[in-house]
C-alpha cells in the first residue's frame, strides 16, 4: 500500500508526527490524512475511468469510420453491378456459327 515504505520507516514517521503534533492532535491529523488519501484515490479512479471511456470511444469511432468506408465501397459495387452483368453477358453470347451447348 505504501510502496517502498517498510515497517521501520512507518514507525519513524509516526514518532516524528507524534512529536510534531502531540498526542491530542495526532488522531485528528490521522483522520485528515485518511480523508485526503481517500479523496485522492477517488479522484484518480474517476480520472482513470474517464480516460478508459475516451479510449474506448475513440476505438468505437475508428471502427465506425471503417464500417462506413466498407459500406461506401459496397454501395459503389452495387451501383456498377448492372453494368458489369451486362458486359459479362455480352462477352458470353455465342457468335454466329458457334454451337450453343
C-alpha atoms as a PDB file:
ATOM      1  CA  UNK A   1       0.000   0.000   0.000  1.00  0.00           C
ATOM      2  CA  UNK A   2       2.758   2.438   0.902  1.00  0.00           C
ATOM      3  CA  UNK A   3       5.073   1.352  -1.889  1.00  0.00           C
ATOM      4  CA  UNK A   4       8.644   1.149  -0.700  1.00  0.00           C
ATOM      5  CA  UNK A   5       7.893   2.305   2.882  1.00  0.00           C
ATOM      6  CA  UNK A   6       8.521  -0.556   5.256  1.00  0.00           C
ATOM      7  CA  UNK A   7       7.565  -1.027   8.897  1.00  0.00           C
ATOM      8  CA  UNK A   8      10.692   0.680  10.338  1.00  0.00           C
ATOM      9  CA  UNK A   9      10.168   3.772   8.180  1.00  0.00           C
ATOM     10  CA  UNK A  10       6.485   3.896   9.114  1.00  0.00           C
ATOM     11  CA  UNK A  11       7.342   3.763  12.834  1.00  0.00           C
ATOM     12  CA  UNK A  12       9.836   6.623  12.419  1.00  0.00           C
ATOM     13  CA  UNK A  13       7.210   8.706  10.591  1.00  0.00           C
ATOM     14  CA  UNK A  14       4.664   8.060  13.373  1.00  0.00           C
ATOM     15  CA  UNK A  15       7.165   9.034  16.079  1.00  0.00           C
ATOM     16  CA  UNK A  16       8.016  12.279  14.264  1.00  0.00           C
ATOM     17  CA  UNK A  17       4.290  13.028  13.784  1.00  0.00           C
ATOM     18  CA  UNK A  18       3.692  12.362  17.486  1.00  0.00           C
ATOM     19  CA  UNK A  19       6.490  14.788  18.423  1.00  0.00           C
ATOM     20  CA  UNK A  20       5.344  17.487  15.981  1.00  0.00           C
ATOM     21  CA  UNK A  21       1.563  17.360  16.566  1.00  0.00           C
ATOM     22  CA  UNK A  22       1.359  15.937  20.077  1.00  0.00           C
ATOM     23  CA  UNK A  23      -0.771  13.094  21.391  1.00  0.00           C
ATOM     24  CA  UNK A  24      -4.021  15.120  21.423  1.00  0.00           C
ATOM     25  CA  UNK A  25      -3.847  16.351  17.825  1.00  0.00           C
ATOM     26  CA  UNK A  26      -2.456  13.136  16.290  1.00  0.00           C
ATOM     27  CA  UNK A  27      -5.860  11.381  15.868  1.00  0.00           C
ATOM     28  CA  UNK A  28      -7.293  14.458  14.129  1.00  0.00           C
ATOM     29  CA  UNK A  29      -4.286  14.671  11.843  1.00  0.00           C
ATOM     30  CA  UNK A  30      -4.609  10.951  11.081  1.00  0.00           C
ATOM     31  CA  UNK A  31      -8.284  11.374  10.168  1.00  0.00           C
ATOM     32  CA  UNK A  32      -7.471  14.338   7.937  1.00  0.00           C
ATOM     33  CA  UNK A  33      -4.680  12.448   6.198  1.00  0.00           C
ATOM     34  CA  UNK A  34      -7.001   9.444   5.746  1.00  0.00           C
ATOM     35  CA  UNK A  35      -9.708  11.637   4.218  1.00  0.00           C
ATOM     36  CA  UNK A  36      -7.196  13.306   1.911  1.00  0.00           C
ATOM     37  CA  UNK A  37      -5.855   9.935   0.740  1.00  0.00           C
ATOM     38  CA  UNK A  38      -9.408   8.662   0.205  1.00  0.00           C
ATOM     39  CA  UNK A  39     -10.348  11.750  -1.849  1.00  0.00           C
ATOM     40  CA  UNK A  40      -7.156  11.490  -3.886  1.00  0.00           C
ATOM     41  CA  UNK A  41      -7.824   7.815  -4.589  1.00  0.00           C
ATOM     42  CA  UNK A  42     -11.432   8.583  -5.571  1.00  0.00           C
ATOM     43  CA  UNK A  43     -10.317  11.376  -7.924  1.00  0.00           C
ATOM     44  CA  UNK A  44      -7.640   9.197  -9.515  1.00  0.00           C
ATOM     45  CA  UNK A  45     -10.165   6.359 -10.031  1.00  0.00           C
ATOM     46  CA  UNK A  46     -12.592   8.781 -11.700  1.00  0.00           C
ATOM     47  CA  UNK A  47      -9.825  10.125 -13.917  1.00  0.00           C
ATOM     48  CA  UNK A  48      -8.747   6.601 -14.870  1.00  0.00           C
ATOM     49  CA  UNK A  49     -12.322   5.605 -15.744  1.00  0.00           C
ATOM     50  CA  UNK A  50     -12.809   8.747 -17.873  1.00  0.00           C
ATOM     51  CA  UNK A  51      -9.568   8.104 -19.740  1.00  0.00           C
ATOM     52  CA  UNK A  52     -10.629   4.496 -20.366  1.00  0.00           C
ATOM     53  CA  UNK A  53     -14.030   5.706 -21.619  1.00  0.00           C
ATOM     54  CA  UNK A  54     -12.357   8.160 -24.003  1.00  0.00           C
ATOM     55  CA  UNK A  55     -10.029   5.462 -25.319  1.00  0.00           C
ATOM     56  CA  UNK A  56     -12.994   3.141 -25.848  1.00  0.00           C
ATOM     57  CA  UNK A  57     -14.955   5.933 -27.560  1.00  0.00           C
ATOM     58  CA  UNK A  58     -12.072   6.684 -29.930  1.00  0.00           C
ATOM     59  CA  UNK A  59     -11.778   2.968 -30.772  1.00  0.00           C
ATOM     60  CA  UNK A  60     -15.515   2.840 -31.474  1.00  0.00           C
ATOM     61  CA  UNK A  61     -15.236   5.947 -33.684  1.00  0.00           C
ATOM     62  CA  UNK A  62     -12.420   4.418 -35.721  1.00  0.00           C
ATOM     63  CA  UNK A  63     -14.382   1.160 -36.076  1.00  0.00           C
ATOM     64  CA  UNK A  64     -17.424   3.143 -37.186  1.00  0.00           C
ATOM     65  CA  UNK A  65     -15.384   5.003 -39.803  1.00  0.00           C
ATOM     66  CA  UNK A  66     -14.067   1.678 -41.100  1.00  0.00           C
ATOM     67  CA  UNK A  67     -17.613   0.302 -41.368  1.00  0.00           C
ATOM     68  CA  UNK A  68     -18.753   3.457 -43.175  1.00  0.00           C
ATOM     69  CA  UNK A  69     -15.895   3.075 -45.641  1.00  0.00           C
ATOM     70  CA  UNK A  70     -16.775  -0.583 -46.236  1.00  0.00           C
ATOM     71  CA  UNK A  71     -20.431   0.320 -46.774  1.00  0.00           C
ATOM     72  CA  UNK A  72     -19.470   3.027 -49.262  1.00  0.00           C
ATOM     73  CA  UNK A  73     -17.335   0.532 -51.200  1.00  0.00           C
ATOM     74  CA  UNK A  74     -20.169  -1.994 -51.149  1.00  0.00           C
ATOM     75  CA  UNK A  75     -22.668   0.606 -52.306  1.00  0.00           C
ATOM     76  CA  UNK A  76     -20.399   1.610 -55.192  1.00  0.00           C
ATOM     77  CA  UNK A  77     -20.075  -2.057 -56.134  1.00  0.00           C
ATOM     78  CA  UNK A  78     -23.850  -2.447 -56.232  1.00  0.00           C
ATOM     79  CA  UNK A  79     -24.169   0.723 -58.311  1.00  0.00           C
ATOM     80  CA  UNK A  80     -21.912  -0.707 -61.024  1.00  0.00           C
ATOM     81  CA  UNK A  81     -23.314  -4.251 -60.780  1.00  0.00           C
ATOM     82  CA  UNK A  82     -25.885  -3.943 -63.625  1.00  0.00           C
ATOM     83  CA  UNK A  83     -23.205  -2.605 -65.990  1.00  0.00           C
ATOM     84  CA  UNK A  84     -20.830  -5.418 -65.045  1.00  0.00           C
ATOM     85  CA  UNK A  85     -23.513  -8.074 -65.542  1.00  0.00           C
ATOM     86  CA  UNK A  86     -24.454  -6.599 -68.925  1.00  0.00           C
ATOM     87  CA  UNK A  87     -20.820  -6.623 -70.074  1.00  0.00           C
ATOM     88  CA  UNK A  88     -20.371 -10.204 -68.886  1.00  0.00           C
ATOM     89  CA  UNK A  89     -23.487 -11.298 -70.727  1.00  0.00           C
ATOM     90  CA  UNK A  90     -22.354  -9.563 -73.918  1.00  0.00           C
ATOM     91  CA  UNK A  91     -18.979 -11.307 -73.724  1.00  0.00           C
ATOM     92  CA  UNK A  92     -20.579 -14.706 -73.142  1.00  0.00           C
ATOM     93  CA  UNK A  93     -23.054 -14.521 -76.070  1.00  0.00           C
ATOM     94  CA  UNK A  94     -22.226 -17.069 -78.781  1.00  0.00           C
ATOM     95  CA  UNK A  95     -21.065 -15.668 -82.076  1.00  0.00           C
ATOM     96  CA  UNK A  96     -22.666 -16.698 -85.370  1.00  0.00           C
ATOM     97  CA  UNK A  97     -21.755 -20.209 -86.324  1.00  0.00           C
ATOM     98  CA  UNK A  98     -20.917 -21.245 -82.753  1.00  0.00           C
ATOM     99  CA  UNK A  99     -22.812 -24.084 -81.283  1.00  0.00           C
ATOM    100  CA  UNK A 100     -24.690 -23.396 -78.023  1.00  0.00           C
ATOM    101  CA  UNK A 101     -24.310 -26.216 -75.506  1.00  0.00           C
END
